[in-house]
């Protein structure tokens, strides 16, 4: 079973090797993270209004 970042998993983002910054309504992911899935519905439910991703790979996006 794959080990995803537990904190980001709460926000609907399944990722490995992520450097992150999580603030009240903003999530930042950077430096060569491997993002298996981003679930925008979960992000909205958690009140996230901004998502910043730099130098990372994204495989699946769910709206």
PDB file of N, CA and C in Angstrom:
ATOM      1  N   UNK A   1       0.838  -1.186   0.000  1.00  0.00           N
ATOM      2  CA  UNK A   1       0.000   0.000   0.000  1.00  0.00           C
ATOM      3  C   UNK A   1       0.883   1.249   0.000  1.00  0.00           C
ATOM      4  N   UNK A   2       0.488   2.223  -0.761  1.00  0.00           N
ATOM      5  CA  UNK A   2       1.279   3.436  -0.881  1.00  0.00           C
ATOM      6  C   UNK A   2       1.092   4.320   0.346  1.00  0.00           C
ATOM      7  N   UNK A   3       2.163   4.980   0.765  1.00  0.00           N
ATOM      8  CA  UNK A   3       2.119   5.909   1.882  1.00  0.00           C
ATOM      9  C   UNK A   3       2.013   7.326   1.358  1.00  0.00           C
ATOM     10  N   UNK A   4       0.849   7.928   1.544  1.00  0.00           N
ATOM     11  CA  UNK A   4       0.637   9.306   1.133  1.00  0.00           C
ATOM     12  C   UNK A   4       0.799  10.221   2.341  1.00  0.00           C
ATOM     13  N   UNK A   5       1.055  11.481   2.074  1.00  0.00           N
ATOM     14  CA  UNK A   5       1.163  12.487   3.121  1.00  0.00           C
ATOM     15  C   UNK A   5      -0.182  12.576   3.855  1.00  0.00           C
ATOM     16  N   UNK A   6      -0.186  12.289   5.155  1.00  0.00           N
ATOM     17  CA  UNK A   6      -1.435  12.215   5.930  1.00  0.00           C
ATOM     18  C   UNK A   6      -2.129  13.569   6.040  1.00  0.00           C
ATOM     19  N   UNK A   7      -1.379  14.644   6.225  1.00  0.00           N
ATOM     20  CA  UNK A   7      -1.982  15.976   6.362  1.00  0.00           C
ATOM     21  C   UNK A   7      -2.673  16.400   5.066  1.00  0.00           C
ATOM     22  N   UNK A   8      -1.996  16.222   3.927  1.00  0.00           N
ATOM     23  CA  UNK A   8      -2.595  16.601   2.648  1.00  0.00           C
ATOM     24  C   UNK A   8      -3.753  15.686   2.270  1.00  0.00           C
ATOM     25  N   UNK A   9      -3.698  14.451   2.712  1.00  0.00           N
ATOM     26  CA  UNK A   9      -4.777  13.500   2.423  1.00  0.00           C
ATOM     27  C   UNK A   9      -6.107  14.002   2.999  1.00  0.00           C
ATOM     28  N   UNK A  10      -6.062  14.705   4.126  1.00  0.00           N
ATOM     29  CA  UNK A  10      -7.270  15.281   4.730  1.00  0.00           C
ATOM     30  C   UNK A  10      -7.923  16.318   3.815  1.00  0.00           C
ATOM     31  N   UNK A  11      -7.132  16.907   2.922  1.00  0.00           N
ATOM     32  CA  UNK A  11      -7.620  17.933   2.004  1.00  0.00           C
ATOM     33  C   UNK A  11      -7.936  17.373   0.612  1.00  0.00           C
ATOM     34  N   UNK A  12      -7.915  16.051   0.466  1.00  0.00           N
ATOM     35  CA  UNK A  12      -8.243  15.438  -0.818  1.00  0.00           C
ATOM     36  C   UNK A  12      -7.078  15.401  -1.789  1.00  0.00           C
ATOM     37  N   UNK A  13      -5.853  15.539  -1.269  1.00  0.00           N
ATOM     38  CA  UNK A  13      -4.662  15.520  -2.115  1.00  0.00           C
ATOM     39  C   UNK A  13      -3.818  14.314  -1.714  1.00  0.00           C
ATOM     40  N   UNK A  14      -3.679  13.360  -2.632  1.00  0.00           N
ATOM     41  CA  UNK A  14      -2.852  12.181  -2.378  1.00  0.00           C
ATOM     42  C   UNK A  14      -1.492  12.422  -3.010  1.00  0.00           C
ATOM     43  N   UNK A  15      -0.481  12.578  -2.174  1.00  0.00           N
ATOM     44  CA  UNK A  15       0.837  12.932  -2.678  1.00  0.00           C
ATOM     45  C   UNK A  15       1.951  12.275  -1.875  1.00  0.00           C
ATOM     46  N   UNK A  16       3.089  12.136  -2.537  1.00  0.00           N
ATOM     47  CA  UNK A  16       4.307  11.637  -1.902  1.00  0.00           C
ATOM     48  C   UNK A  16       5.417  12.646  -2.155  1.00  0.00           C
ATOM     49  N   UNK A  17       6.396  12.662  -1.281  1.00  0.00           N
ATOM     50  CA  UNK A  17       7.584  13.515  -1.415  1.00  0.00           C
ATOM     51  C   UNK A  17       7.243  15.001  -1.457  1.00  0.00           C
ATOM     52  N   UNK A  18       6.202  15.403  -0.765  1.00  0.00           N
ATOM     53  CA  UNK A  18       5.752  16.795  -0.867  1.00  0.00           C
ATOM     54  C   UNK A  18       6.334  17.662   0.240  1.00  0.00           C
ATOM     55  N   UNK A  19       6.841  18.811  -0.165  1.00  0.00           N
ATOM     56  CA  UNK A  19       7.085  19.884   0.784  1.00  0.00           C
ATOM     57  C   UNK A  19       5.840  20.737   0.696  1.00  0.00           C
ATOM     58  N   UNK A  20       5.310  21.139   1.835  1.00  0.00           N
ATOM     59  CA  UNK A  20       4.005  21.795   1.818  1.00  0.00           C
ATOM     60  C   UNK A  20       3.934  22.924   2.829  1.00  0.00           C
ATOM     61  N   UNK A  21       2.962  23.779   2.584  1.00  0.00           N
ATOM     62  CA  UNK A  21       2.597  24.842   3.506  1.00  0.00           C
ATOM     63  C   UNK A  21       1.077  24.881   3.502  1.00  0.00           C
ATOM     64  N   UNK A  22       0.487  24.729   4.683  1.00  0.00           N
ATOM     65  CA  UNK A  22      -0.967  24.744   4.788  1.00  0.00           C
ATOM     66  C   UNK A  22      -1.363  25.887   5.713  1.00  0.00           C
ATOM     67  N   UNK A  23      -2.156  26.792   5.175  1.00  0.00           N
ATOM     68  CA  UNK A  23      -2.640  27.931   5.941  1.00  0.00           C
ATOM     69  C   UNK A  23      -4.159  27.851   6.015  1.00  0.00           C
ATOM     70  N   UNK A  24      -4.800  28.851   6.574  1.00  0.00           N
ATOM     71  CA  UNK A  24      -6.248  28.834   6.802  1.00  0.00           C
ATOM     72  C   UNK A  24      -7.045  28.477   5.547  1.00  0.00           C
ATOM     73  N   UNK A  25      -6.794  29.167   4.442  1.00  0.00           N
ATOM     74  CA  UNK A  25      -7.559  28.922   3.214  1.00  0.00           C
ATOM     75  C   UNK A  25      -6.657  28.715   2.000  1.00  0.00           C
ATOM     76  N   UNK A  26      -5.421  28.260   2.245  1.00  0.00           N
ATOM     77  CA  UNK A  26      -4.440  28.134   1.166  1.00  0.00           C
ATOM     78  C   UNK A  26      -3.550  26.909   1.397  1.00  0.00           C
ATOM     79  N   UNK A  27      -3.311  26.160   0.319  1.00  0.00           N
ATOM     80  CA  UNK A  27      -2.383  25.028   0.359  1.00  0.00           C
ATOM     81  C   UNK A  27      -1.325  25.259  -0.707  1.00  0.00           C
ATOM     82  N   UNK A  28      -0.052  25.085  -0.325  1.00  0.00           N
ATOM     83  CA  UNK A  28       1.059  25.190  -1.274  1.00  0.00           C
ATOM     84  C   UNK A  28       1.825  23.871  -1.259  1.00  0.00           C
ATOM     85  N   UNK A  29       2.124  23.369  -2.457  1.00  0.00           N
ATOM     86  CA  UNK A  29       2.901  22.140  -2.622  1.00  0.00           C
ATOM     87  C   UNK A  29       4.027  22.452  -3.593  1.00  0.00           C
ATOM     88  N   UNK A  30       5.255  22.054  -3.234  1.00  0.00           N
ATOM     89  CA  UNK A  30       6.379  22.407  -4.094  1.00  0.00           C
ATOM     90  C   UNK A  30       7.513  21.386  -3.994  1.00  0.00           C
ATOM     91  N   UNK A  31       8.474  21.550  -4.892  1.00  0.00           N
ATOM     92  CA  UNK A  31       9.718  20.772  -4.943  1.00  0.00           C
ATOM     93  C   UNK A  31       9.538  19.291  -5.250  1.00  0.00           C
ATOM     94  N   UNK A  32       9.138  19.020  -6.469  1.00  0.00           N
ATOM     95  CA  UNK A  32       9.130  17.663  -7.015  1.00  0.00           C
ATOM     96  C   UNK A  32       8.205  16.685  -6.299  1.00  0.00           C
ATOM     97  N   UNK A  33       7.050  17.153  -5.885  1.00  0.00           N
ATOM     98  CA  UNK A  33       6.060  16.251  -5.293  1.00  0.00           C
ATOM     99  C   UNK A  33       5.449  15.393  -6.397  1.00  0.00           C
ATOM    100  N   UNK A  34       5.071  14.193  -6.037  1.00  0.00           N
ATOM    101  CA  UNK A  34       4.344  13.312  -6.948  1.00  0.00           C
ATOM    102  C   UNK A  34       2.906  13.290  -6.443  1.00  0.00           C
ATOM    103  N   UNK A  35       2.003  13.928  -7.195  1.00  0.00           N
ATOM    104  CA  UNK A  35       0.614  14.061  -6.776  1.00  0.00           C
ATOM    105  C   UNK A  35      -0.224  13.057  -7.559  1.00  0.00           C
ATOM    106  N   UNK A  36      -0.703  12.045  -6.851  1.00  0.00           N
ATOM    107  CA  UNK A  36      -1.518  11.004  -7.481  1.00  0.00           C
ATOM    108  C   UNK A  36      -2.908  11.544  -7.822  1.00  0.00           C
ATOM    109  N   UNK A  37      -3.538  12.254  -6.879  1.00  0.00           N
ATOM    110  CA  UNK A  37      -4.897  12.756  -7.082  1.00  0.00           C
ATOM    111  C   UNK A  37      -5.109  14.061  -6.329  1.00  0.00           C
ATOM    112  N   UNK A  38      -5.850  14.974  -6.958  1.00  0.00           N
ATOM    113  CA  UNK A  38      -6.350  16.173  -6.287  1.00  0.00           C
ATOM    114  C   UNK A  38      -7.864  16.141  -6.418  1.00  0.00           C
ATOM    115  N   UNK A  39      -8.561  16.204  -5.292  1.00  0.00           N
ATOM    116  CA  UNK A  39     -10.020  16.202  -5.287  1.00  0.00           C
ATOM    117  C   UNK A  39     -10.494  17.610  -4.921  1.00  0.00           C
ATOM    118  N   UNK A  40     -10.971  18.360  -5.913  1.00  0.00           N
ATOM    119  CA  UNK A  40     -11.364  19.747  -5.685  1.00  0.00           C
ATOM    120  C   UNK A  40     -12.607  19.861  -4.805  1.00  0.00           C
ATOM    121  N   UNK A  41     -13.479  18.874  -4.835  1.00  0.00           N
ATOM    122  CA  UNK A  41     -14.668  18.913  -3.971  1.00  0.00           C
ATOM    123  C   UNK A  41     -14.247  18.916  -2.499  1.00  0.00           C
ATOM    124  N   UNK A  42     -13.290  18.064  -2.152  1.00  0.00           N
ATOM    125  CA  UNK A  42     -12.802  18.006  -0.776  1.00  0.00           C
ATOM    126  C   UNK A  42     -12.115  19.311  -0.393  1.00  0.00           C
ATOM    127  N   UNK A  43     -11.332  19.880  -1.304  1.00  0.00           N
ATOM    128  CA  UNK A  43     -10.692  21.170  -1.027  1.00  0.00           C
ATOM    129  C   UNK A  43     -11.735  22.240  -0.721  1.00  0.00           C
ATOM    130  N   UNK A  44     -12.800  22.284  -1.506  1.00  0.00           N
ATOM    131  CA  UNK A  44     -13.866  23.261  -1.280  1.00  0.00           C
ATOM    132  C   UNK A  44     -14.554  23.025   0.062  1.00  0.00           C
ATOM    133  N   UNK A  45     -14.817  21.774   0.390  1.00  0.00           N
ATOM    134  CA  UNK A  45     -15.464  21.449   1.667  1.00  0.00           C
ATOM    135  C   UNK A  45     -14.612  21.886   2.852  1.00  0.00           C
ATOM    136  N   UNK A  46     -13.293  21.851   2.699  1.00  0.00           N
ATOM    137  CA  UNK A  46     -12.370  22.258   3.763  1.00  0.00           C
ATOM    138  C   UNK A  46     -12.137  23.767   3.778  1.00  0.00           C
ATOM    139  N   UNK A  47     -12.732  24.495   2.835  1.00  0.00           N
ATOM    140  CA  UNK A  47     -12.613  25.948   2.807  1.00  0.00           C
ATOM    141  C   UNK A  47     -11.355  26.473   2.142  1.00  0.00           C
ATOM    142  N   UNK A  48     -10.684  25.639   1.351  1.00  0.00           N
ATOM    143  CA  UNK A  48      -9.469  26.064   0.656  1.00  0.00           C
ATOM    144  C   UNK A  48      -9.859  26.878  -0.571  1.00  0.00           C
ATOM    145  N   UNK A  49      -9.328  28.092  -0.663  1.00  0.00           N
ATOM    146  CA  UNK A  49      -9.638  28.981  -1.783  1.00  0.00           C
ATOM    147  C   UNK A  49      -8.475  29.106  -2.759  1.00  0.00           C
ATOM    148  N   UNK A  50      -7.260  28.786  -2.298  1.00  0.00           N
ATOM    149  CA  UNK A  50      -6.084  28.886  -3.164  1.00  0.00           C
ATOM    150  C   UNK A  50      -5.263  27.607  -3.071  1.00  0.00           C
ATOM    151  N   UNK A  51      -4.839  27.114  -4.230  1.00  0.00           N
ATOM    152  CA  UNK A  51      -3.966  25.949  -4.311  1.00  0.00           C
ATOM    153  C   UNK A  51      -2.798  26.318  -5.205  1.00  0.00           C
ATOM    154  N   UNK A  52      -1.594  26.302  -4.643  1.00  0.00           N
ATOM    155  CA  UNK A  52      -0.385  26.632  -5.396  1.00  0.00           C
ATOM    156  C   UNK A  52       0.463  25.368  -5.512  1.00  0.00           C
ATOM    157  N   UNK A  53       0.832  25.013  -6.746  1.00  0.00           N
ATOM    158  CA  UNK A  53       1.664  23.838  -6.985  1.00  0.00           C
ATOM    159  C   UNK A  53       2.819  24.259  -7.880  1.00  0.00           C
ATOM    160  N   UNK A  54       4.047  23.948  -7.446  1.00  0.00           N
ATOM    161  CA  UNK A  54       5.234  24.289  -8.232  1.00  0.00           C
ATOM    162  C   UNK A  54       6.115  23.055  -8.390  1.00  0.00           C
ATOM    163  N   UNK A  55       6.648  22.886  -9.590  1.00  0.00           N
ATOM    164  CA  UNK A  55       7.623  21.832  -9.892  1.00  0.00           C
ATOM    165  C   UNK A  55       7.183  20.460  -9.390  1.00  0.00           C
ATOM    166  N   UNK A  56       5.969  20.058  -9.740  1.00  0.00           N
ATOM    167  CA  UNK A  56       5.423  18.779  -9.301  1.00  0.00           C
ATOM    168  C   UNK A  56       4.648  18.123 -10.435  1.00  0.00           C
ATOM    169  N   UNK A  57       4.452  16.816 -10.313  1.00  0.00           N
ATOM    170  CA  UNK A  57       3.680  16.067 -11.300  1.00  0.00           C
ATOM    171  C   UNK A  57       2.301  15.767 -10.735  1.00  0.00           C
ATOM    172  N   UNK A  58       1.257  15.956 -11.563  1.00  0.00           N
ATOM    173  CA  UNK A  58      -0.116  15.652 -11.162  1.00  0.00           C
ATOM    174  C   UNK A  58      -0.654  14.597 -12.126  1.00  0.00           C
ATOM    175  N   UNK A  59      -1.168  13.486 -11.568  1.00  0.00           N
ATOM    176  CA  UNK A  59      -1.664  12.405 -12.410  1.00  0.00           C
ATOM    177  C   UNK A  59      -3.180  12.414 -12.591  1.00  0.00           C
ATOM    178  N   UNK A  60      -3.950  12.768 -11.562  1.00  0.00           N
ATOM    179  CA  UNK A  60      -5.414  12.754 -11.649  1.00  0.00           C
ATOM    180  C   UNK A  60      -5.997  13.977 -10.953  1.00  0.00           C
ATOM    181  N   UNK A  61      -7.011  14.580 -11.587  1.00  0.00           N
ATOM    182  CA  UNK A  61      -7.732  15.699 -10.988  1.00  0.00           C
ATOM    183  C   UNK A  61      -9.212  15.345 -10.990  1.00  0.00           C
ATOM    184  N   UNK A  62      -9.847  15.466  -9.820  1.00  0.00           N
ATOM    185  CA  UNK A  62     -11.268  15.171  -9.671  1.00  0.00           C
ATOM    186  C   UNK A  62     -11.991  16.471  -9.357  1.00  0.00           C
ATOM    187  N   UNK A  63     -13.020  16.798 -10.171  1.00  0.00           N
ATOM    188  CA  UNK A  63     -13.792  18.029  -9.957  1.00  0.00           C
ATOM    189  C   UNK A  63     -15.110  17.725  -9.302  1.00  0.00           C
TER     190      UNK A  63
END
